[in-house]
């Protein structure tokens, strides 16, 4: 199974939950609550982001790259692949209100079709096999039954597991891509 197949499966699952439980899922165009606060993405998301950035108008891409570089510099971004769990916790705590550099002024993702896996499943409850892990978004599933939550939960399978050498943030990945592509 290719990574694109995994992304397509995540999109299809999210659509099915949107159709079967619209009352429990508040996600929609311009809702960007989940786009604040830095978090880990996998190395497999980097080529996807690179493709999305390459599709943008150069001025829009420069704005995103500039914002990503500012976030990395201002947040004292550690190398996540070498950071201790405590260093990661401290970093994610101090960047909890930082907006994703891919957001435009209207709160829309400028690389939406090329967004990472975690961005595609964020509003859904999570489970690992039969073990329910909980809700992630404060806007979704507030009035849902336990059964509805379980039916809508995204199963964290192997593709969601990140090894330490695969951990990046979106701003860090954008800076890496920009350097590799000569955009910086």
N, C-alpha and C. Protein backbone atom coordinates (compact mmCIF):
# COMPACT_ATOMS: atom_id res chain seq x y z
N UNK A 1 0.85 -1.18 0.00
CA UNK A 1 0.00 0.00 0.00
C UNK A 1 0.89 1.24 0.00
N UNK A 2 0.64 2.15 -0.91
CA UNK A 2 1.43 3.38 -0.99
C UNK A 2 0.92 4.40 0.03
N UNK A 3 1.75 5.40 0.29
CA UNK A 3 1.34 6.44 1.22
C UNK A 3 0.12 7.20 0.67
N UNK A 4 0.07 7.39 -0.63
CA UNK A 4 -1.09 8.05 -1.24
C UNK A 4 -2.35 7.23 -0.97
N UNK A 5 -2.25 5.88 -1.00
CA UNK A 5 -3.39 5.02 -0.69
C UNK A 5 -3.85 5.23 0.76
N UNK A 6 -2.89 5.38 1.66
CA UNK A 6 -3.22 5.62 3.06
C UNK A 6 -3.94 6.96 3.21
N UNK A 7 -3.45 7.98 2.53
CA UNK A 7 -4.10 9.30 2.58
C UNK A 7 -5.51 9.23 2.01
N UNK A 8 -5.66 8.53 0.90
CA UNK A 8 -6.99 8.38 0.29
C UNK A 8 -7.94 7.64 1.23
N UNK A 9 -7.42 6.63 1.93
CA UNK A 9 -8.23 5.89 2.90
C UNK A 9 -8.66 6.81 4.05
N UNK A 10 -7.74 7.64 4.52
CA UNK A 10 -8.07 8.60 5.59
C UNK A 10 -9.13 9.59 5.11
N UNK A 11 -8.98 10.11 3.90
CA UNK A 11 -9.97 11.06 3.36
C UNK A 11 -11.34 10.40 3.22
N UNK A 12 -11.36 9.16 2.72
CA UNK A 12 -12.62 8.44 2.54
C UNK A 12 -13.29 8.18 3.90
N UNK A 13 -12.50 7.83 4.91
CA UNK A 13 -13.04 7.58 6.24
C UNK A 13 -13.62 8.87 6.82
N UNK A 14 -12.89 9.96 6.68
CA UNK A 14 -13.38 11.25 7.19
C UNK A 14 -14.69 11.63 6.50
N UNK A 15 -14.74 11.46 5.17
CA UNK A 15 -15.98 11.75 4.42
C UNK A 15 -17.13 10.88 4.93
N UNK A 16 -16.86 9.61 5.18
CA UNK A 16 -17.94 8.71 5.64
C UNK A 16 -18.47 9.16 7.00
N UNK A 17 -17.58 9.60 7.88
CA UNK A 17 -18.03 10.10 9.19
C UNK A 17 -18.81 11.40 9.00
N UNK A 18 -18.35 12.26 8.11
CA UNK A 18 -19.06 13.52 7.83
C UNK A 18 -20.48 13.25 7.33
N UNK A 19 -20.62 12.22 6.53
CA UNK A 19 -21.94 11.88 5.98
C UNK A 19 -22.83 11.16 6.99
N UNK A 20 -22.25 10.27 7.80
CA UNK A 20 -23.05 9.49 8.73
C UNK A 20 -23.33 10.21 10.05
N UNK A 21 -22.46 11.14 10.43
CA UNK A 21 -22.63 11.84 11.70
C UNK A 21 -22.38 13.35 11.56
N UNK A 22 -23.07 14.02 10.67
CA UNK A 22 -22.79 15.45 10.48
C UNK A 22 -23.05 16.28 11.74
N UNK A 23 -23.95 15.82 12.59
CA UNK A 23 -24.25 16.54 13.83
C UNK A 23 -23.09 16.53 14.82
N UNK A 24 -22.18 15.57 14.66
CA UNK A 24 -21.07 15.43 15.59
C UNK A 24 -19.75 15.99 15.08
N UNK A 25 -19.72 16.35 13.82
CA UNK A 25 -18.47 16.78 13.20
C UNK A 25 -18.62 18.22 12.71
N UNK A 26 -17.95 19.14 13.37
CA UNK A 26 -18.08 20.57 13.06
C UNK A 26 -17.04 21.07 12.05
N UNK A 27 -16.17 20.20 11.60
CA UNK A 27 -15.12 20.60 10.66
C UNK A 27 -15.73 21.14 9.37
N UNK A 28 -15.12 22.16 8.83
CA UNK A 28 -15.59 22.74 7.57
C UNK A 28 -14.60 23.77 7.07
N UNK A 29 -14.87 24.28 5.91
CA UNK A 29 -14.00 25.26 5.27
C UNK A 29 -13.78 26.46 6.20
N UNK A 30 -12.53 26.76 6.46
CA UNK A 30 -12.19 27.90 7.29
C UNK A 30 -12.08 27.59 8.77
N UNK A 31 -12.54 26.40 9.20
CA UNK A 31 -12.36 26.01 10.59
C UNK A 31 -10.90 25.60 10.73
N UNK A 32 -10.18 26.27 11.57
CA UNK A 32 -8.74 26.01 11.66
C UNK A 32 -8.27 25.79 13.09
N UNK A 33 -9.18 25.42 13.97
CA UNK A 33 -8.81 25.19 15.37
C UNK A 33 -7.66 24.18 15.48
N UNK A 34 -7.71 23.14 14.65
CA UNK A 34 -6.67 22.10 14.71
C UNK A 34 -5.37 22.54 14.06
N UNK A 35 -5.35 23.71 13.46
CA UNK A 35 -4.15 24.22 12.77
C UNK A 35 -3.31 25.12 13.66
N UNK A 36 -3.64 25.16 14.94
CA UNK A 36 -2.88 25.94 15.91
C UNK A 36 -2.20 24.99 16.88
N UNK A 37 -0.95 25.26 17.13
CA UNK A 37 -0.15 24.38 17.96
C UNK A 37 0.65 23.45 17.07
N UNK A 38 1.95 23.44 17.25
CA UNK A 38 2.79 22.57 16.44
C UNK A 38 2.64 21.13 16.91
N UNK A 39 2.83 20.21 16.02
CA UNK A 39 2.70 18.79 16.31
C UNK A 39 3.59 18.03 15.34
N UNK A 40 3.74 16.74 15.59
CA UNK A 40 4.63 15.92 14.77
C UNK A 40 3.92 15.41 13.52
N UNK A 41 4.64 15.46 12.41
CA UNK A 41 4.22 14.79 11.19
C UNK A 41 5.32 13.79 10.84
N UNK A 42 5.01 12.89 9.95
CA UNK A 42 5.99 11.88 9.57
C UNK A 42 6.82 12.30 8.37
N UNK A 43 7.96 11.64 8.22
CA UNK A 43 8.84 11.92 7.09
C UNK A 43 8.13 11.69 5.76
N UNK A 44 7.17 10.77 5.72
CA UNK A 44 6.44 10.50 4.48
C UNK A 44 5.61 11.69 4.02
N UNK A 45 5.32 12.61 4.94
CA UNK A 45 4.54 13.79 4.58
C UNK A 45 5.39 14.86 3.88
N UNK A 46 6.70 14.78 3.99
CA UNK A 46 7.57 15.81 3.42
C UNK A 46 7.46 15.88 1.90
N UNK A 47 7.54 14.77 1.16
CA UNK A 47 7.37 14.88 -0.30
C UNK A 47 5.99 15.39 -0.70
N UNK A 48 5.00 15.04 0.09
CA UNK A 48 3.64 15.52 -0.16
C UNK A 48 3.57 17.04 -0.01
N UNK A 49 4.11 17.55 1.08
CA UNK A 49 4.15 19.00 1.28
C UNK A 49 4.97 19.69 0.20
N UNK A 50 6.08 19.06 -0.20
CA UNK A 50 6.92 19.64 -1.25
C UNK A 50 6.14 19.78 -2.55
N UNK A 51 5.37 18.77 -2.87
CA UNK A 51 4.56 18.83 -4.09
C UNK A 51 3.52 19.94 -3.99
N UNK A 52 2.88 20.05 -2.84
CA UNK A 52 1.88 21.10 -2.64
C UNK A 52 2.48 22.48 -2.73
N UNK A 53 3.63 22.68 -2.10
CA UNK A 53 4.28 23.99 -2.16
C UNK A 53 4.72 24.34 -3.58
N UNK A 54 5.16 23.33 -4.32
CA UNK A 54 5.61 23.59 -5.70
C UNK A 54 4.45 24.00 -6.60
N UNK A 55 3.23 23.66 -6.23
CA UNK A 55 2.04 24.01 -7.03
C UNK A 55 1.57 25.44 -6.79
N UNK A 56 2.05 26.07 -5.74
CA UNK A 56 1.60 27.41 -5.38
C UNK A 56 2.26 28.49 -6.22
N UNK A 57 1.60 29.62 -6.31
CA UNK A 57 2.20 30.80 -6.92
C UNK A 57 3.45 31.14 -6.11
N UNK A 58 4.54 31.52 -6.76
CA UNK A 58 5.80 31.79 -6.04
C UNK A 58 5.66 32.79 -4.89
N UNK A 59 4.82 33.80 -5.04
CA UNK A 59 4.65 34.79 -3.96
C UNK A 59 3.99 34.14 -2.74
N UNK A 60 2.99 33.31 -2.97
CA UNK A 60 2.32 32.62 -1.87
C UNK A 60 3.28 31.64 -1.20
N UNK A 61 4.06 30.93 -2.01
CA UNK A 61 5.04 29.98 -1.47
C UNK A 61 6.08 30.72 -0.63
N UNK A 62 6.57 31.86 -1.11
CA UNK A 62 7.56 32.64 -0.34
C UNK A 62 6.99 33.05 1.01
N UNK A 63 5.72 33.44 1.02
CA UNK A 63 5.08 33.84 2.27
C UNK A 63 5.06 32.66 3.25
N UNK A 64 4.71 31.49 2.78
CA UNK A 64 4.66 30.30 3.63
C UNK A 64 6.05 29.95 4.13
N UNK A 65 7.03 29.95 3.24
CA UNK A 65 8.40 29.62 3.62
C UNK A 65 8.93 30.63 4.63
N UNK A 66 8.67 31.90 4.41
CA UNK A 66 9.12 32.94 5.34
C UNK A 66 8.49 32.73 6.72
N UNK A 67 7.20 32.46 6.73
CA UNK A 67 6.50 32.24 8.01
C UNK A 67 7.05 30.99 8.71
N UNK A 68 7.29 29.92 7.96
CA UNK A 68 7.84 28.69 8.55
C UNK A 68 9.22 28.96 9.16
N UNK A 69 10.05 29.69 8.44
CA UNK A 69 11.40 30.00 8.94
C UNK A 69 11.31 30.86 10.21
N UNK A 70 10.37 31.79 10.26
CA UNK A 70 10.17 32.61 11.46
C UNK A 70 9.76 31.75 12.64
N UNK A 71 8.84 30.81 12.41
CA UNK A 71 8.38 29.92 13.48
C UNK A 71 9.55 29.10 14.01
N UNK A 72 10.33 28.52 13.12
CA UNK A 72 11.47 27.69 13.54
C UNK A 72 12.44 28.52 14.37
N UNK A 73 12.74 29.73 13.91
CA UNK A 73 13.71 30.58 14.61
C UNK A 73 13.16 31.08 15.95
N UNK A 74 11.93 31.57 15.95
CA UNK A 74 11.37 32.18 17.16
C UNK A 74 11.00 31.17 18.23
N UNK A 75 10.71 29.94 17.83
CA UNK A 75 10.26 28.93 18.79
C UNK A 75 11.40 28.15 19.42
N UNK A 76 12.64 28.45 19.02
CA UNK A 76 13.79 27.67 19.48
C UNK A 76 13.52 26.18 19.20
N UNK A 77 13.19 25.93 17.96
CA UNK A 77 12.78 24.60 17.49
C UNK A 77 13.91 23.59 17.67
N UNK A 78 13.69 22.56 18.47
CA UNK A 78 14.73 21.54 18.62
C UNK A 78 14.72 20.58 17.42
N UNK A 79 15.74 19.83 17.27
CA UNK A 79 15.74 18.73 16.32
C UNK A 79 14.94 17.62 16.98
N UNK A 80 13.71 17.42 16.56
CA UNK A 80 12.84 16.45 17.21
C UNK A 80 13.41 15.04 17.18
N UNK A 81 14.20 14.77 16.18
CA UNK A 81 14.76 13.44 16.04
C UNK A 81 15.83 13.15 17.08
N UNK A 82 16.30 14.19 17.76
CA UNK A 82 17.32 14.03 18.79
C UNK A 82 16.85 14.53 20.17
N UNK A 83 15.67 15.10 20.24
CA UNK A 83 15.16 15.70 21.49
C UNK A 83 14.68 14.61 22.46
N UNK A 84 14.83 14.91 23.73
CA UNK A 84 14.31 14.02 24.77
C UNK A 84 12.80 14.22 24.87
N UNK A 85 12.09 13.29 25.49
CA UNK A 85 10.65 13.49 25.68
C UNK A 85 10.33 14.79 26.42
N UNK A 86 11.13 15.15 27.41
CA UNK A 86 10.92 16.40 28.15
C UNK A 86 11.11 17.61 27.24
N UNK A 87 12.16 17.60 26.43
CA UNK A 87 12.40 18.72 25.51
C UNK A 87 11.25 18.85 24.50
N UNK A 88 10.73 17.73 24.05
CA UNK A 88 9.58 17.77 23.13
C UNK A 88 8.36 18.35 23.82
N UNK A 89 8.07 17.87 25.04
CA UNK A 89 6.91 18.38 25.78
C UNK A 89 7.00 19.89 25.98
N UNK A 90 8.18 20.36 26.38
CA UNK A 90 8.38 21.80 26.59
C UNK A 90 8.19 22.57 25.29
N UNK A 91 8.73 22.04 24.20
CA UNK A 91 8.61 22.70 22.89
C UNK A 91 7.14 22.76 22.46
N UNK A 92 6.43 21.66 22.53
CA UNK A 92 5.03 21.65 22.09
C UNK A 92 4.16 22.50 23.01
N UNK A 93 4.52 22.61 24.29
CA UNK A 93 3.78 23.50 25.20
C UNK A 93 3.97 24.97 24.81
N UNK A 94 5.20 25.34 24.52
CA UNK A 94 5.44 26.76 24.20
C UNK A 94 4.98 27.14 22.80
N UNK A 95 4.66 26.16 21.96
CA UNK A 95 4.17 26.47 20.61
C UNK A 95 2.69 26.11 20.44
N UNK A 96 1.99 25.95 21.54
CA UNK A 96 0.59 25.51 21.50
C UNK A 96 -0.34 26.47 20.78
N UNK A 97 0.03 27.74 20.65
CA UNK A 97 -0.85 28.70 19.98
C UNK A 97 -0.29 29.18 18.64
N UNK A 98 0.76 28.54 18.17
CA UNK A 98 1.38 28.94 16.90
C UNK A 98 0.55 28.40 15.74
N UNK A 99 0.20 29.28 14.82
CA UNK A 99 -0.59 28.87 13.64
C UNK A 99 0.30 28.18 12.62
N UNK A 100 -0.27 27.23 11.93
CA UNK A 100 0.43 26.56 10.84
C UNK A 100 0.78 27.59 9.77
N UNK A 101 1.99 27.53 9.24
CA UNK A 101 2.37 28.51 8.22
C UNK A 101 1.59 28.37 6.91
N UNK A 102 0.87 27.26 6.75
CA UNK A 102 0.08 27.05 5.53
C UNK A 102 -1.29 27.72 5.57
N UNK A 103 -1.66 28.32 6.69
CA UNK A 103 -2.96 28.98 6.79
C UNK A 103 -2.94 30.35 6.12
N UNK A 104 -4.02 30.65 5.40
CA UNK A 104 -4.15 32.01 4.87
C UNK A 104 -4.94 32.86 5.87
N UNK A 105 -5.18 34.12 5.53
CA UNK A 105 -5.85 35.04 6.45
C UNK A 105 -7.28 34.60 6.78
N UNK A 106 -7.89 33.80 5.93
CA UNK A 106 -9.25 33.30 6.16
C UNK A 106 -9.28 31.99 6.95
N UNK A 107 -8.11 31.51 7.36
CA UNK A 107 -8.04 30.26 8.11
C UNK A 107 -8.12 29.03 7.24
N UNK A 108 -7.87 29.17 5.96
CA UNK A 108 -7.91 28.04 5.04
C UNK A 108 -6.49 27.56 4.73
N UNK A 109 -6.35 26.26 4.59
CA UNK A 109 -5.05 25.68 4.27
C UNK A 109 -4.73 25.89 2.80
N UNK A 110 -3.58 26.47 2.54
CA UNK A 110 -3.19 26.77 1.16
C UNK A 110 -2.62 25.54 0.44
N UNK A 111 -2.38 24.46 1.17
CA UNK A 111 -1.91 23.22 0.55
C UNK A 111 -2.84 22.07 0.94
N UNK A 112 -4.11 22.35 1.03
CA UNK A 112 -5.10 21.41 1.56
C UNK A 112 -5.02 20.02 0.92
N UNK A 113 -4.92 19.94 -0.37
CA UNK A 113 -4.87 18.63 -1.05
C UNK A 113 -3.56 17.89 -0.75
N UNK A 114 -2.58 18.58 -0.21
CA UNK A 114 -1.26 18.00 0.05
C UNK A 114 -0.94 17.98 1.54
N UNK A 115 -1.94 18.12 2.39
CA UNK A 115 -1.72 18.18 3.83
C UNK A 115 -1.34 16.80 4.38
N UNK A 116 -0.63 16.78 5.51
CA UNK A 116 -0.19 15.52 6.12
C UNK A 116 -1.35 14.65 6.61
N UNK A 117 -1.05 13.40 6.87
CA UNK A 117 -2.04 12.44 7.35
C UNK A 117 -2.73 12.93 8.61
N UNK A 118 -1.99 13.41 9.57
CA UNK A 118 -2.59 13.83 10.84
C UNK A 118 -3.59 14.97 10.62
N UNK A 119 -3.35 15.81 9.65
CA UNK A 119 -4.27 16.91 9.35
C UNK A 119 -5.57 16.38 8.74
N UNK A 120 -5.52 15.23 8.11
CA UNK A 120 -6.70 14.64 7.47
C UNK A 120 -7.61 13.94 8.46
N UNK A 121 -7.10 13.59 9.62
CA UNK A 121 -7.87 12.81 10.59
C UNK A 121 -8.06 13.54 11.92
N UNK A 122 -7.61 14.76 12.03
CA UNK A 122 -7.53 15.44 13.32
C UNK A 122 -8.85 15.56 14.05
N UNK A 123 -9.94 15.87 13.41
CA UNK A 123 -11.20 16.11 14.13
C UNK A 123 -11.89 14.87 14.63
N UNK A 124 -11.37 13.71 14.27
CA UNK A 124 -12.01 12.45 14.64
C UNK A 124 -11.52 11.94 16.00
N UNK A 125 -12.37 11.20 16.70
CA UNK A 125 -11.89 10.50 17.90
C UNK A 125 -10.84 9.48 17.47
N UNK A 126 -10.05 9.01 18.41
CA UNK A 126 -8.97 8.07 18.10
C UNK A 126 -9.12 6.78 18.88
N UNK A 127 -8.68 5.70 18.25
CA UNK A 127 -8.61 4.41 18.93
C UNK A 127 -7.37 3.68 18.44
N UNK A 128 -6.94 2.72 19.20
CA UNK A 128 -5.84 1.86 18.80
C UNK A 128 -6.38 0.44 18.90
N UNK A 129 -6.76 -0.10 17.73
CA UNK A 129 -7.45 -1.39 17.71
C UNK A 129 -8.78 -1.26 18.41
N UNK A 130 -9.01 -2.08 19.42
CA UNK A 130 -10.27 -2.04 20.17
C UNK A 130 -10.25 -1.05 21.32
N UNK A 131 -9.10 -0.45 21.59
CA UNK A 131 -8.96 0.45 22.74
C UNK A 131 -9.26 1.89 22.31
N UNK A 132 -10.32 2.45 22.85
CA UNK A 132 -10.70 3.84 22.56
C UNK A 132 -9.74 4.78 23.29
N UNK A 133 -9.17 5.74 22.56
CA UNK A 133 -8.18 6.65 23.16
C UNK A 133 -8.79 7.99 23.56
N UNK A 134 -9.80 8.45 22.82
CA UNK A 134 -10.44 9.71 23.19
C UNK A 134 -10.63 10.66 22.03
N UNK A 135 -11.21 11.79 22.37
CA UNK A 135 -11.49 12.84 21.39
C UNK A 135 -10.30 13.79 21.34
N UNK A 136 -10.11 14.42 20.19
CA UNK A 136 -9.00 15.34 20.02
C UNK A 136 -9.50 16.78 19.92
N UNK A 137 -10.59 16.99 19.20
CA UNK A 137 -11.09 18.35 18.95
C UNK A 137 -12.18 18.72 19.95
N UNK A 138 -12.06 19.92 20.52
CA UNK A 138 -13.05 20.40 21.48
C UNK A 138 -14.41 20.71 20.85
N UNK A 139 -14.45 20.84 19.51
CA UNK A 139 -15.70 21.18 18.83
C UNK A 139 -16.52 19.97 18.42
N UNK A 140 -15.89 18.82 18.33
CA UNK A 140 -16.54 17.64 17.76
C UNK A 140 -16.92 16.61 18.81
N UNK A 141 -18.00 15.90 18.55
CA UNK A 141 -18.46 14.75 19.32
C UNK A 141 -18.79 15.07 20.77
N UNK A 142 -19.16 16.31 21.05
CA UNK A 142 -19.50 16.70 22.41
C UNK A 142 -20.79 16.06 22.90
N UNK A 143 -21.75 15.86 22.01
CA UNK A 143 -23.05 15.27 22.37
C UNK A 143 -23.18 13.84 21.85
N UNK A 144 -22.11 13.28 21.34
CA UNK A 144 -22.16 11.94 20.74
C UNK A 144 -22.22 10.85 21.80
N UNK A 145 -22.87 9.76 21.45
CA UNK A 145 -22.88 8.59 22.33
C UNK A 145 -21.53 7.89 22.23
N UNK A 146 -21.28 7.01 23.18
CA UNK A 146 -20.03 6.24 23.13
C UNK A 146 -19.95 5.42 21.84
N UNK A 147 -21.08 4.87 21.42
CA UNK A 147 -21.11 4.07 20.20
C UNK A 147 -20.79 4.94 18.98
N UNK A 148 -21.34 6.15 18.92
CA UNK A 148 -21.04 7.05 17.81
C UNK A 148 -19.56 7.42 17.79
N UNK A 149 -19.01 7.68 18.95
CA UNK A 149 -17.58 8.00 19.03
C UNK A 149 -16.74 6.84 18.53
N UNK A 150 -17.07 5.65 18.96
CA UNK A 150 -16.31 4.48 18.56
C UNK A 150 -16.41 4.26 17.05
N UNK A 151 -17.60 4.39 16.49
CA UNK A 151 -17.80 4.21 15.05
C UNK A 151 -17.04 5.26 14.24
N UNK A 152 -16.87 6.45 14.81
CA UNK A 152 -16.21 7.55 14.09
C UNK A 152 -14.72 7.62 14.37
N UNK A 153 -14.22 6.75 15.22
CA UNK A 153 -12.82 6.88 15.63
C UNK A 153 -11.87 6.32 14.57
N UNK A 154 -10.81 7.08 14.36
CA UNK A 154 -9.75 6.69 13.44
C UNK A 154 -8.82 5.73 14.17
N UNK A 155 -8.57 4.58 13.57
CA UNK A 155 -7.71 3.57 14.18
C UNK A 155 -6.25 3.91 13.89
N UNK A 156 -5.51 4.17 14.94
CA UNK A 156 -4.08 4.48 14.80
C UNK A 156 -3.33 3.19 14.49
N UNK A 157 -3.19 2.92 13.24
CA UNK A 157 -2.48 1.72 12.81
C UNK A 157 -1.01 2.06 12.60
N UNK A 158 -0.27 1.18 12.02
CA UNK A 158 1.17 1.36 11.85
C UNK A 158 1.51 2.65 11.12
N UNK A 159 0.67 3.11 10.19
CA UNK A 159 1.03 4.30 9.43
C UNK A 159 1.01 5.57 10.28
N UNK A 160 0.37 5.50 11.44
CA UNK A 160 0.32 6.65 12.33
C UNK A 160 1.44 6.62 13.36
N UNK A 161 2.16 5.53 13.43
CA UNK A 161 3.26 5.39 14.38
C UNK A 161 4.50 6.06 13.82
N UNK A 162 5.10 6.95 14.59
CA UNK A 162 6.30 7.64 14.16
C UNK A 162 7.50 7.17 14.97
N UNK A 163 8.52 6.77 14.27
CA UNK A 163 9.78 6.50 14.94
C UNK A 163 10.48 7.84 15.15
N UNK A 164 11.37 7.93 16.13
CA UNK A 164 12.04 9.21 16.38
C UNK A 164 12.71 9.83 15.14
N UNK A 165 13.25 9.00 14.26
CA UNK A 165 13.93 9.56 13.08
C UNK A 165 12.95 10.09 12.03
N UNK A 166 11.64 9.87 12.23
CA UNK A 166 10.63 10.32 11.28
C UNK A 166 9.86 11.55 11.77
N UNK A 167 10.23 12.14 12.87
CA UNK A 167 9.44 13.21 13.47
C UNK A 167 9.90 14.59 13.01
N UNK A 168 8.93 15.33 12.46
CA UNK A 168 9.15 16.71 12.01
C UNK A 168 7.92 17.52 12.41
N UNK A 169 8.04 18.83 12.38
CA UNK A 169 6.85 19.68 12.43
C UNK A 169 6.65 20.23 11.03
N UNK A 170 5.47 20.76 10.77
CA UNK A 170 5.22 21.32 9.44
C UNK A 170 6.17 22.47 9.13
N UNK A 171 6.38 23.43 10.06
CA UNK A 171 7.33 24.50 9.74
C UNK A 171 8.74 23.97 9.46
N UNK A 172 9.19 23.02 10.25
CA UNK A 172 10.51 22.43 10.05
C UNK A 172 10.59 21.75 8.69
N UNK A 173 9.56 21.02 8.32
CA UNK A 173 9.54 20.34 7.02
C UNK A 173 9.56 21.35 5.87
N UNK A 174 8.82 22.44 6.02
CA UNK A 174 8.79 23.47 4.97
C UNK A 174 10.16 24.09 4.79
N UNK A 175 10.85 24.41 5.88
CA UNK A 175 12.20 24.97 5.79
C UNK A 175 13.13 23.98 5.11
N UNK A 176 13.04 22.72 5.49
CA UNK A 176 13.86 21.67 4.86
C UNK A 176 13.59 21.61 3.35
N UNK A 177 12.32 21.59 2.98
CA UNK A 177 11.94 21.55 1.56
C UNK A 177 12.47 22.77 0.82
N UNK A 178 12.29 23.94 1.42
CA UNK A 178 12.73 25.19 0.79
C UNK A 178 14.24 25.20 0.54
N UNK A 179 14.97 24.69 1.50
CA UNK A 179 16.44 24.62 1.31
C UNK A 179 16.79 23.64 0.19
N UNK A 180 16.13 22.49 0.18
CA UNK A 180 16.41 21.49 -0.85
C UNK A 180 16.02 21.97 -2.25
N UNK A 181 14.97 22.76 -2.33
CA UNK A 181 14.46 23.24 -3.63
C UNK A 181 15.07 24.58 -4.04
N UNK A 182 15.90 25.17 -3.19
CA UNK A 182 16.50 26.46 -3.52
C UNK A 182 15.54 27.63 -3.40
N UNK A 183 14.53 27.49 -2.56
CA UNK A 183 13.56 28.56 -2.35
C UNK A 183 13.96 29.50 -1.23
N UNK A 184 15.09 29.21 -0.56
CA UNK A 184 15.56 30.07 0.53
C UNK A 184 16.95 30.56 0.18
